Amino acid sequence: MGARSTYKYRRRKKVKILNSAMKEFSKNTFQKASTNKIVEDAGISKGILFHYFGSKKKLYEYLEYFAIKVITDSIVEKLDWDQSDIFLRMKEISMIKFTVFQKYSFLSEFSLVVFQDKSLEEMMAIYPDFPVELYSQVYTLNIDYSLFKENLDIEKAMNIIRWTLEKYSEDMKKMENKKLEFDARKIEKDLLVYMEMLRTSFYK
């Protein structure tokens, strides 16, 4: 096995371990979550699991860190920061998230568990290497607010847009859980329909 093949194998194995761990921790409390089930589902030995993560607690803490970082890194890296239309910007953010959720099938469920008692800001504050300031600009940097109707409460309009996308994301996740095929083109087409309806309501 060449160096590149070995790297790809290890990457796939890591994804499998993380998915298995997030699955177990999202379905059980930390105390009840079983490392035996994690290693069985991942197809590894418990020795390998603890070689990489040290302990069950450190594994959970890593997953907390990972749940935020994998999303923030993907958005910061792949987002078109020159896109000034907030609707197209948010559509793009949603598509980036869908791609990540497709790779890490239990990421969204685990994130819900993590954020039950902590806000995103609180979690980011724990890990100072997160690009907090940059991430906070994904909905604001270079956005052309002059496109909105006059006297419109832009902050409330932005909330409505975000809530719409979040609800759509929830519905798509339910479809994925039912083993329906992930269709990126259909998702993008649906998002554009919603964005056009909201654009008509909020733009001049």
Protein backbone atom coordinates (compact mmCIF):
# COMPACT_ATOMS: atom_id res chain seq x y z
CA MET A 1 0.00 0.00 0.00
CA GLY A 2 1.50 3.32 -1.10
CA ALA A 3 1.74 6.46 1.03
CA ARG A 4 -1.29 8.04 -0.63
CA SER A 5 -3.38 4.88 -0.28
CA THR A 6 -2.36 4.56 3.37
CA TYR A 7 -3.37 8.17 4.02
CA LYS A 8 -6.76 7.69 2.36
CA TYR A 9 -7.33 4.50 4.32
CA ARG A 10 -6.54 6.24 7.61
CA ARG A 11 -8.82 9.15 6.69
CA ARG A 12 -11.71 6.79 5.95
CA LYS A 13 -11.07 4.90 9.17
CA LYS A 14 -11.05 8.14 11.17
CA VAL A 15 -14.35 9.23 9.62
CA LYS A 16 -15.81 5.83 10.52
CA ILE A 17 -14.61 6.14 14.14
CA LEU A 18 -15.96 9.68 14.50
CA ASN A 19 -19.33 8.74 12.99
CA SER A 20 -19.62 5.72 15.28
CA ALA A 21 -18.72 7.79 18.35
CA MET A 22 -21.12 10.63 17.47
CA LYS A 23 -23.86 8.06 16.87
CA GLU A 24 -23.38 6.51 20.31
CA PHE A 25 -23.08 9.80 22.19
CA SER A 26 -26.10 11.29 20.41
CA LYS A 27 -28.30 8.34 21.41
CA ASN A 28 -27.11 8.10 25.03
CA THR A 29 -25.87 10.28 27.85
CA PHE A 30 -22.11 10.43 28.33
CA GLN A 31 -22.38 8.06 31.29
CA LYS A 32 -24.45 5.47 29.40
CA ALA A 33 -22.59 5.69 26.10
CA SER A 34 -20.64 2.49 25.46
CA THR A 35 -17.13 2.47 24.02
CA ASN A 36 -17.73 -1.21 23.26
CA LYS A 37 -20.54 -0.24 20.87
CA ILE A 38 -18.36 2.47 19.33
CA VAL A 39 -15.48 0.13 18.51
CA GLU A 40 -17.86 -2.61 17.33
CA ASP A 41 -19.62 -0.21 14.97
CA ALA A 42 -16.33 1.27 13.76
CA GLY A 43 -14.76 -2.14 13.26
CA ILE A 44 -11.70 -1.44 15.41
CA SER A 45 -10.27 -2.64 18.69
CA LYS A 46 -10.72 -0.73 21.93
CA GLY A 47 -6.94 -0.47 22.09
CA ILE A 48 -6.88 1.51 18.83
CA LEU A 49 -9.65 3.81 20.07
CA PHE A 50 -7.79 4.66 23.26
CA HIS A 51 -4.49 4.91 21.39
CA TYR A 52 -5.97 7.80 19.38
CA PHE A 53 -8.08 9.47 22.08
CA GLY A 54 -6.73 8.32 25.45
CA SER A 55 -10.06 7.96 27.25
CA LYS A 56 -13.81 8.13 26.82
CA LYS A 57 -13.83 11.66 28.27
CA LYS A 58 -11.11 12.88 25.91
CA LEU A 59 -12.95 11.30 22.99
CA TYR A 60 -16.11 13.22 23.90
CA GLU A 61 -14.19 16.47 24.35
CA TYR A 62 -12.58 15.98 20.96
CA LEU A 63 -16.00 15.43 19.39
CA GLU A 64 -17.24 18.67 20.95
CA TYR A 65 -14.31 20.45 19.36
CA PHE A 66 -14.74 18.63 16.06
CA ALA A 67 -18.49 19.28 15.80
CA ILE A 68 -17.85 23.02 15.63
CA LYS A 69 -14.55 23.07 13.79
CA VAL A 70 -15.51 20.84 10.87
CA ILE A 71 -18.43 23.17 10.03
CA THR A 72 -16.63 26.46 10.63
CA ASP A 73 -13.54 25.38 8.70
CA SER A 74 -15.62 24.23 5.74
CA ILE A 75 -17.60 27.48 5.60
CA VAL A 76 -14.62 29.78 6.06
CA GLU A 77 -12.61 27.86 3.45
CA LYS A 78 -15.26 27.29 0.78
CA LEU A 79 -17.52 30.34 1.05
CA ASP A 80 -17.46 32.93 -1.73
CA TRP A 81 -16.75 35.99 0.39
CA ASP A 82 -17.34 38.31 -2.57
CA GLN A 83 -20.99 37.24 -2.86
CA SER A 84 -22.94 40.34 -1.75
CA ASP A 85 -26.48 38.93 -2.08
CA ILE A 86 -27.44 37.61 1.37
CA PHE A 87 -29.83 35.06 -0.14
CA LEU A 88 -27.19 33.50 -2.38
CA ARG A 89 -24.70 33.69 0.49
CA MET A 90 -27.02 31.78 2.81
CA LYS A 91 -27.87 29.26 0.13
CA GLU A 92 -24.18 28.63 -0.34
CA ILE A 93 -23.64 28.23 3.41
CA SER A 94 -26.49 25.71 3.54
CA MET A 95 -25.02 23.66 0.69
CA ILE A 96 -21.62 23.59 2.41
CA LYS A 97 -23.26 22.35 5.61
CA PHE A 98 -25.26 19.68 3.74
CA THR A 99 -22.03 18.37 2.23
CA VAL A 100 -20.43 18.08 5.68
CA PHE A 101 -23.53 16.42 7.17
CA GLN A 102 -23.54 13.93 4.31
CA LYS A 103 -19.99 12.87 5.20
CA TYR A 104 -20.59 12.83 8.97
CA SER A 105 -24.05 11.29 9.22
CA PHE A 106 -24.53 11.81 12.99
CA LEU A 107 -22.93 15.24 13.24
CA SER A 108 -26.21 17.13 13.41
CA GLU A 109 -27.66 14.86 16.13
CA PHE A 110 -24.48 15.06 18.18
CA SER A 111 -24.38 18.85 17.78
CA LEU A 112 -27.89 19.09 19.24
CA VAL A 113 -26.67 17.22 22.32
CA VAL A 114 -23.58 19.43 22.65
CA PHE A 115 -25.51 22.68 22.29
CA GLN A 116 -28.29 21.81 24.72
CA ASP A 117 -26.48 23.59 27.53
CA LYS A 118 -23.93 25.68 25.65
CA SER A 119 -24.22 28.30 22.95
CA LEU A 120 -21.98 28.32 19.89
CA GLU A 121 -20.23 31.38 21.29
CA GLU A 122 -19.55 29.61 24.60
CA MET A 123 -18.18 26.59 22.81
CA MET A 124 -15.94 28.71 20.60
CA ALA A 125 -14.62 30.57 23.64
CA ILE A 126 -13.39 27.25 25.04
CA TYR A 127 -11.21 26.74 21.97
CA PRO A 128 -9.25 29.95 21.23
CA ASP A 129 -7.95 28.71 17.86
CA PHE A 130 -11.40 29.00 16.27
CA PRO A 131 -11.71 31.91 13.80
CA VAL A 132 -14.54 33.42 15.86
CA GLU A 133 -14.37 36.90 14.35
CA LEU A 134 -14.16 35.59 10.81
CA TYR A 135 -16.99 33.11 11.32
CA SER A 136 -19.20 35.85 12.75
CA GLN A 137 -18.81 37.70 9.45
CA VAL A 138 -20.21 34.98 7.20
CA TYR A 139 -23.63 36.67 7.28
CA THR A 140 -22.35 40.25 7.20
CA LEU A 141 -19.04 40.74 5.35
CA ASN A 142 -19.50 42.43 1.95
CA ILE A 143 -23.30 42.01 2.10
CA ASP A 144 -25.19 44.71 0.17
CA TYR A 145 -27.89 45.85 2.60
CA SER A 146 -29.05 48.54 0.15
CA LEU A 147 -30.91 45.77 -1.70
CA PHE A 148 -33.42 45.50 1.14
CA LYS A 149 -36.64 47.50 1.12
CA GLU A 150 -36.55 50.81 2.92
CA ASN A 151 -37.78 50.86 6.54
CA LEU A 152 -37.45 47.08 6.72
CA ASP A 153 -36.12 45.65 9.98
CA ILE A 154 -33.10 43.92 8.45
CA GLU A 155 -32.18 42.05 11.63
CA LYS A 156 -35.62 40.44 11.81
CA ALA A 157 -35.55 39.72 8.07
CA MET A 158 -32.19 37.97 8.50
CA ASN A 159 -33.67 35.87 11.32
CA ILE A 160 -36.57 34.79 9.10
CA ILE A 161 -34.17 33.80 6.33
CA ARG A 162 -31.99 31.82 8.76
CA TRP A 163 -34.99 30.11 10.40
CA THR A 164 -36.31 29.08 6.99
CA LEU A 165 -33.00 27.49 6.06
CA GLU A 166 -32.68 25.78 9.44
CA LYS A 167 -36.17 24.26 9.15
CA TYR A 168 -35.41 23.09 5.63
CA SER A 169 -32.18 21.53 6.90
CA GLU A 170 -34.14 19.68 9.61
CA ASP A 171 -36.55 18.29 7.02
CA MET A 172 -33.69 17.17 4.79
CA LYS A 173 -32.06 15.43 7.73
CA LYS A 174 -35.29 13.51 8.42
CA MET A 175 -35.34 12.39 4.79
CA GLU A 176 -31.73 11.23 5.09
CA ASN A 177 -32.61 9.26 8.23
CA LYS A 178 -35.30 7.50 6.17
CA LYS A 179 -32.51 6.38 3.81
CA LEU A 180 -33.77 8.53 0.96
CA GLU A 181 -31.10 9.38 -1.60
CA PHE A 182 -29.15 12.59 -1.05
CA ASP A 183 -29.73 14.73 -4.13
CA ALA A 184 -27.59 17.88 -4.04
CA ARG A 185 -29.14 19.29 -7.22
CA LYS A 186 -32.67 18.93 -5.87
CA ILE A 187 -31.67 20.54 -2.57
CA GLU A 188 -30.05 23.46 -4.36
CA LYS A 189 -33.11 23.88 -6.59
CA ASP A 190 -35.45 23.84 -3.57
CA LEU A 191 -33.29 26.37 -1.74
CA LEU A 192 -33.35 28.72 -4.71
CA VAL A 193 -37.17 28.56 -4.72
CA TYR A 194 -37.31 29.55 -1.04
CA MET A 195 -34.68 32.23 -1.53
CA GLU A 196 -36.61 33.74 -4.44
CA MET A 197 -39.81 33.90 -2.37
CA LEU A 198 -37.98 35.63 0.47
CA ARG A 199 -36.13 37.93 -1.94
CA THR A 200 -39.48 39.08 -3.35
CA SER A 201 -40.68 39.85 0.17
CA PHE A 202 -37.60 41.66 1.46
CA TYR A 203 -35.82 43.20 -1.52
CA LYS A 204 -36.78 46.36 -3.40
